[in-house]
Amino acid sequence: MAECFCADTTFRALTPAGVRERTGADETAALIGAWFGDSTVLELTDSRTDEVGGRLYVTYCFEGVEEGKPYVVRHHLFCTLSDGKIAGADLLCSGFLPR
């Protein structure tokens, strides 16, 4: 996942638990990976892209299972790109909600 980000990317996420910020491709990928790392099932059920004010907008929805409990989560992501990689990203997370 780190290959999607520039080496000096800046990433900010607003989650139900609060604001999460990371700098760098490896730190950003590790944070996102940790959110889904305990899932035994993870299925992409919806995704869309658009452009908003020169930024890439991506929304996607996952359905998964963690500790035997089914959940759904939706992210809204606004990205600045550089050479085909994410140079900066702001994410809004719904939280992991029961299905």
Protein backbone atom coordinates (compact mmCIF):
# COMPACT_ATOMS: atom_id res chain seq x y z
CA MET A 1 0.00 0.00 0.00
CA ALA A 2 2.91 2.36 0.68
CA GLU A 3 3.62 2.45 -3.08
CA CYS A 4 0.41 4.48 -3.54
CA PHE A 5 1.89 7.39 -1.55
CA CYS A 6 4.75 9.82 -2.13
CA ALA A 7 7.64 9.31 0.28
CA ASP A 8 6.81 12.62 2.03
CA THR A 9 3.02 12.37 1.86
CA THR A 10 0.89 14.05 4.50
CA PHE A 11 -2.20 12.17 5.68
CA ARG A 12 -4.96 13.38 7.99
CA ALA A 13 -7.97 11.32 9.02
CA LEU A 14 -11.01 12.23 11.07
CA THR A 15 -12.37 9.07 12.68
CA PRO A 16 -14.92 8.59 15.48
CA ALA A 17 -11.93 8.12 17.82
CA GLY A 18 -10.43 11.48 16.80
CA VAL A 19 -7.90 12.96 14.40
CA ARG A 20 -5.07 10.77 13.11
CA GLU A 21 -2.11 12.33 11.28
CA ARG A 22 0.84 10.66 9.59
CA THR A 23 3.73 11.78 7.42
CA GLY A 24 5.43 9.50 4.93
CA ALA A 25 4.33 6.59 2.82
CA ASP A 26 5.25 3.84 5.28
CA GLU A 27 3.59 5.49 8.31
CA THR A 28 0.44 6.23 6.33
CA ALA A 29 0.19 2.70 4.94
CA ALA A 30 0.78 1.23 8.40
CA LEU A 31 -2.07 3.28 9.89
CA ILE A 32 -4.54 2.28 7.18
CA GLY A 33 -3.40 -1.34 7.32
CA ALA A 34 -3.91 -1.43 11.08
CA TRP A 35 -7.54 -0.38 10.67
CA PHE A 36 -8.30 -3.51 8.63
CA GLY A 37 -5.54 -5.88 9.78
CA ASP A 38 -7.76 -7.90 12.14
CA SER A 39 -10.52 -8.42 9.58
CA THR A 40 -11.09 -12.03 8.59
CA VAL A 41 -13.39 -10.92 5.76
CA LEU A 42 -13.03 -7.67 3.81
CA GLU A 43 -15.11 -6.95 0.72
CA LEU A 44 -15.27 -3.73 -1.29
CA THR A 45 -19.00 -3.14 -1.86
CA ASP A 46 -18.96 0.34 -3.41
CA SER A 47 -16.47 2.83 -4.79
CA ARG A 48 -16.63 6.05 -6.78
CA THR A 49 -14.19 8.71 -7.89
CA ASP A 50 -14.56 12.31 -8.99
CA GLU A 51 -12.59 15.53 -9.11
CA VAL A 52 -13.32 18.39 -6.73
CA GLY A 53 -11.42 21.64 -7.11
CA GLY A 54 -8.42 19.93 -8.68
CA ARG A 55 -8.28 17.20 -6.04
CA LEU A 56 -9.13 13.55 -6.52
CA TYR A 57 -12.20 12.53 -4.53
CA VAL A 58 -12.62 8.83 -3.71
CA THR A 59 -15.38 7.24 -1.68
CA TYR A 60 -15.53 3.55 -0.90
CA CYS A 61 -17.38 1.17 1.35
CA PHE A 62 -16.13 -2.07 2.87
CA GLU A 63 -18.08 -4.82 4.55
CA GLY A 64 -16.01 -7.04 6.78
CA VAL A 65 -15.87 -9.29 9.79
CA GLU A 66 -13.69 -8.71 12.84
CA GLU A 67 -13.76 -10.95 15.91
CA GLY A 68 -16.78 -12.72 14.42
CA LYS A 69 -18.78 -9.48 14.16
CA PRO A 70 -19.88 -8.16 10.76
CA TYR A 71 -19.27 -4.46 10.14
CA VAL A 72 -19.56 -1.81 7.45
CA VAL A 73 -17.28 1.23 7.04
CA ARG A 74 -17.28 4.09 4.51
CA HIS A 75 -14.41 6.47 3.77
CA HIS A 76 -14.41 9.78 1.91
CA LEU A 77 -10.93 10.71 0.72
CA PHE A 78 -9.67 13.93 -0.89
CA CYS A 79 -6.21 13.60 -2.44
CA THR A 80 -3.57 15.77 -4.03
CA LEU A 81 -1.54 13.80 -6.58
CA SER A 82 2.05 14.12 -7.71
CA ASP A 83 3.52 11.91 -10.43
CA GLY A 84 0.58 9.49 -10.08
CA LYS A 85 1.00 9.05 -6.32
CA ILE A 86 -0.83 10.53 -3.34
CA ALA A 87 1.11 13.55 -2.06
CA GLY A 88 -1.51 14.59 0.48
CA ALA A 89 -4.79 13.14 1.69
CA ASP A 90 -7.66 14.09 3.97
CA LEU A 91 -9.98 11.26 5.01
CA LEU A 92 -13.34 11.16 6.75
CA CYS A 93 -14.27 7.78 8.25
CA SER A 94 -17.77 6.64 9.24
CA GLY A 95 -16.35 4.29 11.83
CA PHE A 96 -16.80 0.54 11.92
CA LEU A 97 -20.57 0.15 12.23
CA PRO A 98 -22.51 -3.08 12.89
CA ARG A 99 -24.09 -4.68 9.85
